[in-house]
Amino acid sequence: MQLLPMDAPAELHRWAPRAGDVLVASGPLIIMAHGLLAIPPADRRACWITTASGDLSADDAEEALRAWSKRH
């Protein structure tokens, strides 16, 4: 995965059985990544982050957070 900028615009989504794709929040990628990882692990599979560069799963978000923390 290519490391995206922490401040890239991003949206956190979840899949709801009756409603479909639900926008949960939008903001900087780093905030959306932390938000996604704050969701209980069993519920993360129904969630993802969208950016202009593509979608990130919870695993992708966790990898990005680790990579960002290593740069400092």
N, C-alpha and C. Protein backbone atom coordinates (compact mmCIF):
# COMPACT_ATOMS: atom_id res chain seq x y z
N MET A 1 0.84 -1.18 0.00
CA MET A 1 0.00 0.00 0.00
C MET A 1 0.88 1.25 0.00
N GLN A 2 0.60 2.17 -0.87
CA GLN A 2 1.32 3.43 -0.91
C GLN A 2 0.82 4.29 0.25
N LEU A 3 1.75 4.89 0.99
CA LEU A 3 1.38 5.71 2.13
C LEU A 3 0.76 7.02 1.64
N LEU A 4 -0.46 7.27 2.05
CA LEU A 4 -1.17 8.48 1.69
C LEU A 4 -0.87 9.58 2.69
N PRO A 5 -1.03 10.84 2.30
CA PRO A 5 -0.83 11.93 3.26
C PRO A 5 -1.85 11.85 4.41
N MET A 6 -1.40 12.13 5.61
CA MET A 6 -2.28 12.08 6.77
C MET A 6 -3.47 13.03 6.64
N ASP A 7 -3.26 14.14 5.94
CA ASP A 7 -4.32 15.14 5.84
C ASP A 7 -5.17 15.01 4.58
N ALA A 8 -5.04 13.89 3.87
CA ALA A 8 -5.85 13.68 2.67
C ALA A 8 -7.33 13.65 3.05
N PRO A 9 -8.19 14.29 2.27
CA PRO A 9 -9.63 14.23 2.55
C PRO A 9 -10.11 12.79 2.48
N ALA A 10 -10.94 12.40 3.45
CA ALA A 10 -11.40 11.02 3.52
C ALA A 10 -12.81 10.96 4.10
N GLU A 11 -13.49 9.85 3.83
CA GLU A 11 -14.81 9.60 4.38
C GLU A 11 -14.85 8.20 4.98
N LEU A 12 -15.47 8.08 6.13
CA LEU A 12 -15.67 6.80 6.79
C LEU A 12 -17.08 6.34 6.48
N HIS A 13 -17.19 5.10 5.96
CA HIS A 13 -18.49 4.54 5.57
C HIS A 13 -18.74 3.24 6.32
N ARG A 14 -20.01 2.87 6.42
CA ARG A 14 -20.37 1.54 6.93
C ARG A 14 -21.51 1.00 6.09
N TRP A 15 -21.59 -0.31 6.01
CA TRP A 15 -22.66 -0.97 5.28
C TRP A 15 -23.73 -1.35 6.27
N ALA A 16 -24.94 -0.87 6.05
CA ALA A 16 -26.09 -1.20 6.90
C ALA A 16 -27.06 -2.04 6.05
N PRO A 17 -27.54 -3.16 6.57
CA PRO A 17 -28.39 -4.06 5.78
C PRO A 17 -29.58 -3.37 5.11
N ARG A 18 -30.26 -2.50 5.80
CA ARG A 18 -31.46 -1.86 5.21
C ARG A 18 -31.15 -0.58 4.46
N ALA A 19 -30.13 0.14 4.92
CA ALA A 19 -29.83 1.45 4.33
C ALA A 19 -28.75 1.40 3.26
N GLY A 20 -27.95 0.35 3.25
CA GLY A 20 -26.84 0.26 2.30
C GLY A 20 -25.63 1.04 2.79
N ASP A 21 -24.99 1.77 1.88
CA ASP A 21 -23.79 2.54 2.18
C ASP A 21 -24.18 3.79 2.98
N VAL A 22 -23.68 3.90 4.20
CA VAL A 22 -23.98 5.03 5.08
C VAL A 22 -22.69 5.81 5.33
N LEU A 23 -22.71 7.10 5.05
CA LEU A 23 -21.57 7.96 5.37
C LEU A 23 -21.61 8.25 6.87
N VAL A 24 -20.55 7.88 7.56
CA VAL A 24 -20.47 8.05 9.00
C VAL A 24 -19.81 9.38 9.36
N ALA A 25 -18.69 9.70 8.69
CA ALA A 25 -17.95 10.92 9.00
C ALA A 25 -17.03 11.26 7.85
N SER A 26 -16.61 12.51 7.80
CA SER A 26 -15.62 12.92 6.80
C SER A 26 -14.64 13.87 7.47
N GLY A 27 -13.41 13.86 6.94
CA GLY A 27 -12.36 14.70 7.50
C GLY A 27 -11.01 14.19 7.06
N PRO A 28 -9.95 14.61 7.74
CA PRO A 28 -8.60 14.17 7.38
C PRO A 28 -8.46 12.65 7.55
N LEU A 29 -7.69 12.05 6.69
CA LEU A 29 -7.51 10.61 6.70
C LEU A 29 -7.06 10.08 8.06
N ILE A 30 -6.15 10.77 8.72
CA ILE A 30 -5.66 10.26 10.00
C ILE A 30 -6.79 10.18 11.03
N ILE A 31 -7.70 11.12 11.02
CA ILE A 31 -8.84 11.10 11.95
C ILE A 31 -9.79 9.96 11.58
N MET A 32 -10.04 9.78 10.30
CA MET A 32 -10.93 8.69 9.86
C MET A 32 -10.31 7.33 10.19
N ALA A 33 -8.99 7.22 10.06
CA ALA A 33 -8.32 5.95 10.39
C ALA A 33 -8.45 5.64 11.87
N HIS A 34 -8.23 6.63 12.71
CA HIS A 34 -8.39 6.42 14.16
C HIS A 34 -9.85 6.09 14.48
N GLY A 35 -10.77 6.75 13.82
CA GLY A 35 -12.19 6.47 14.04
C GLY A 35 -12.55 5.04 13.66
N LEU A 36 -12.05 4.60 12.52
CA LEU A 36 -12.33 3.23 12.08
C LEU A 36 -11.78 2.21 13.07
N LEU A 37 -10.57 2.45 13.58
CA LEU A 37 -9.97 1.51 14.51
C LEU A 37 -10.58 1.59 15.90
N ALA A 38 -11.38 2.62 16.18
CA ALA A 38 -12.09 2.71 17.46
C ALA A 38 -13.35 1.84 17.47
N ILE A 39 -13.76 1.39 16.29
CA ILE A 39 -14.93 0.51 16.18
C ILE A 39 -14.52 -0.89 16.63
N PRO A 40 -15.39 -1.59 17.37
CA PRO A 40 -15.04 -2.95 17.80
C PRO A 40 -14.62 -3.81 16.61
N PRO A 41 -13.58 -4.61 16.78
CA PRO A 41 -13.04 -5.42 15.68
C PRO A 41 -14.08 -6.23 14.91
N ALA A 42 -15.04 -6.79 15.59
CA ALA A 42 -16.05 -7.60 14.91
C ALA A 42 -16.93 -6.78 13.97
N ASP A 43 -17.04 -5.48 14.23
CA ASP A 43 -17.90 -4.61 13.42
C ASP A 43 -17.14 -3.89 12.30
N ARG A 44 -15.82 -3.96 12.33
CA ARG A 44 -15.00 -3.24 11.33
C ARG A 44 -15.18 -3.76 9.92
N ARG A 45 -15.53 -5.02 9.76
CA ARG A 45 -15.65 -5.59 8.41
C ARG A 45 -16.71 -4.88 7.58
N ALA A 46 -17.66 -4.24 8.24
CA ALA A 46 -18.73 -3.54 7.54
C ALA A 46 -18.36 -2.08 7.27
N CYS A 47 -17.13 -1.69 7.57
CA CYS A 47 -16.72 -0.29 7.45
C CYS A 47 -15.49 -0.17 6.56
N TRP A 48 -15.34 1.00 5.97
CA TRP A 48 -14.18 1.30 5.13
C TRP A 48 -14.03 2.80 5.00
N ILE A 49 -12.87 3.22 4.53
CA ILE A 49 -12.57 4.63 4.30
C ILE A 49 -12.40 4.84 2.80
N THR A 50 -12.97 5.91 2.29
CA THR A 50 -12.77 6.27 0.89
C THR A 50 -11.91 7.53 0.82
N THR A 51 -11.01 7.54 -0.17
CA THR A 51 -10.19 8.71 -0.49
C THR A 51 -10.17 8.84 -2.01
N ALA A 52 -9.64 9.92 -2.49
CA ALA A 52 -9.51 10.11 -3.93
C ALA A 52 -8.59 9.05 -4.54
N SER A 53 -7.71 8.48 -3.73
CA SER A 53 -6.76 7.47 -4.21
C SER A 53 -7.28 6.04 -4.10
N GLY A 54 -8.45 5.87 -3.49
CA GLY A 54 -9.03 4.54 -3.36
C GLY A 54 -9.54 4.27 -1.96
N ASP A 55 -10.05 3.06 -1.76
CA ASP A 55 -10.63 2.66 -0.49
C ASP A 55 -9.59 2.02 0.42
N LEU A 56 -9.81 2.15 1.73
CA LEU A 56 -8.96 1.51 2.73
C LEU A 56 -9.84 0.67 3.65
N SER A 57 -9.41 -0.53 3.90
CA SER A 57 -10.07 -1.39 4.88
C SER A 57 -9.52 -1.03 6.27
N ALA A 58 -10.05 -1.68 7.29
CA ALA A 58 -9.52 -1.47 8.64
C ALA A 58 -8.06 -1.90 8.71
N ASP A 59 -7.72 -2.99 8.04
CA ASP A 59 -6.32 -3.44 8.02
C ASP A 59 -5.42 -2.41 7.35
N ASP A 60 -5.90 -1.84 6.25
CA ASP A 60 -5.13 -0.80 5.56
C ASP A 60 -4.93 0.43 6.45
N ALA A 61 -6.00 0.81 7.15
CA ALA A 61 -5.93 1.98 8.03
C ALA A 61 -4.94 1.73 9.17
N GLU A 62 -4.95 0.52 9.72
CA GLU A 62 -4.02 0.18 10.79
C GLU A 62 -2.58 0.22 10.28
N GLU A 63 -2.36 -0.29 9.08
CA GLU A 63 -1.02 -0.26 8.48
C GLU A 63 -0.56 1.18 8.26
N ALA A 64 -1.46 2.04 7.79
CA ALA A 64 -1.11 3.45 7.57
C ALA A 64 -0.75 4.14 8.88
N LEU A 65 -1.53 3.88 9.93
CA LEU A 65 -1.22 4.50 11.23
C LEU A 65 0.14 4.05 11.74
N ARG A 66 0.46 2.79 11.57
CA ARG A 66 1.79 2.30 11.99
C ARG A 66 2.89 2.99 11.20
N ALA A 67 2.70 3.09 9.89
CA ALA A 67 3.72 3.71 9.03
C ALA A 67 3.90 5.19 9.38
N TRP A 68 2.79 5.90 9.62
CA TRP A 68 2.91 7.31 9.99
C TRP A 68 3.64 7.46 11.30
N SER A 69 3.38 6.59 12.27
CA SER A 69 4.02 6.72 13.57
C SER A 69 5.53 6.41 13.50
N LYS A 70 5.94 5.61 12.55
CA LYS A 70 7.36 5.30 12.39
C LYS A 70 8.13 6.47 11.78
N ARG A 71 7.45 7.34 11.07
CA ARG A 71 8.12 8.48 10.42
C ARG A 71 8.48 9.58 11.41
N HIS A 72 7.96 9.54 12.60
CA HIS A 72 8.21 10.63 13.57
C HIS A 72 9.20 10.22 14.61
